[in-house]
Amino acid sequence: MKKKVIFMIINMNVGGTERALLNMITEMPKEEYDITILMLEKYGGFLESIPVHVHKEYLNGYQDMKKILHKPPREVIINCSKKGNLIKSLNLTFKYLTSKLTKNNSTLFKYILKDHPSLTKEYDIAIAYAGPMDFISYFVRHKIKAKKKIQWIHFDVTKIGFNVGFAARVYKKFDRIFVVSKEAKEKLIDLVPTVKEKSEVFLNLISPSLIHDASKAGKGFDNNFTGLRILTVGRLSNEKGQDLAIRACARLIKDGYDIKWYCLGEGSSRGEYEQLIKENNLQDKFTLLGSDSNPYPYMDQCDIYVQPSRYEGYCITLAEARALRKSIVTTNFTGAREQIEDGKNGLIVDVDEEEIYNAVKKLILNPKQQQEFSENLLKGALESTNKMDQVYNI
């Protein structure tokens, strides 16, 4: 009989967490596993990439829940009062205050989900995959019936709005907690010591062979530029650091280097970055390519790959650039040193535009070092990605 596994996530936006999920599902034999993905929203460029044998489900009523979860409490309460829902506004006021005082959102989540039934189907394993996302953790804990439950942590919990009170109370109810890098695991345990015995490192899965195959498909760059191409991949947002890349690019252009810098990804900071590009007169030198579910042709065709992130958990795009043996410059975010050995197969710099500028300049001036990095990545081929036994053994 097939094992029933359910993953709960926000949506299937084109991002590292979603790509890691797709890679994991690929590793799970469809003859042995009945897989369901439960999403909060029917949205994302990776929706069509979900294998046909995987069930797709969406949380009923989430759009109404979202208004309470993400809008300012004062606005929600006032809107309820204006609609004549005095009892609801009083209840929400109490729940918001209780959640704030106890530093635990469980009271609010319980109220939001009070009329929402548990899922009827029972699973062997239920996974809160979009961690740390408290609402999903709570839902998996209280509304999904499963023999075993797993909490996944994809980020450096010291760099995001991490609710320590909630985690301390809820995470201990899970059977296992997987964290995507050793450093990220250590930071989680520092904040929530009670989860130490349940926590394990589970590196995001990639398949070098699939990446190489995909790099030969798709369009890639469609211009005849003959200079050096620099690439950054990631959601357009402050934590991914594209603003640092834009400023570093401006300095390289001022120095007279024949380069073009490309950013692959989409996000809420696009407007801000377009303005920054314009202010630095980089319209023809720094290009926001938008989102593409297959970034690998661009990675394969670029000369230098730069990851300027302010923080990560385990950067899957960095692992993919390694698989394609690119000359890499990366900032020193959580997990970077677990992938790159500074000076041997890439350069690690502080989260600083000048350091990024100096490192890229160093590679531009030293093609021999670019070649050495590529050769060293080939010698130190990526470790086997088949770590699914960690899940199966639960």
Foldseek 3Di string as FASTA:
>chain_A
DAAEEEEEDAECAQADLNVLVLLVVVLDDLVRHAYEYEHQDHDYPCPVVRDPSYHYHHDPPSVVVCCLVPPPLVVVLVVCVVVVNPVVSVQSVVLVVVCVVQLANLSVLCVSCVVPAADPDEGAEYEHRHPPPLSSLNCSLPRHHHVAYEYEHWWQCVVDPHRLSHCLPRVVSHQAYEFAAPQSLVNNCVSRVVCVVRYDYAHRFDDLVVLVVLLVDDDADDDDQDFAEEEEERAPDVQQQVLLVLVLQLVVVVVPGRYAYEYEHYYDCPVVVVVSCVVSVCPVRYYYPYYDSRCSNNLLPHQEYERLGNETRAHVVLVSNLSSLHAYEYEPYHNPVVRDDDQQQYHYHHNHSVRVNVRVVVCSVCVVSRVRNSVSSVVVDDDDRSPCVVVVVD
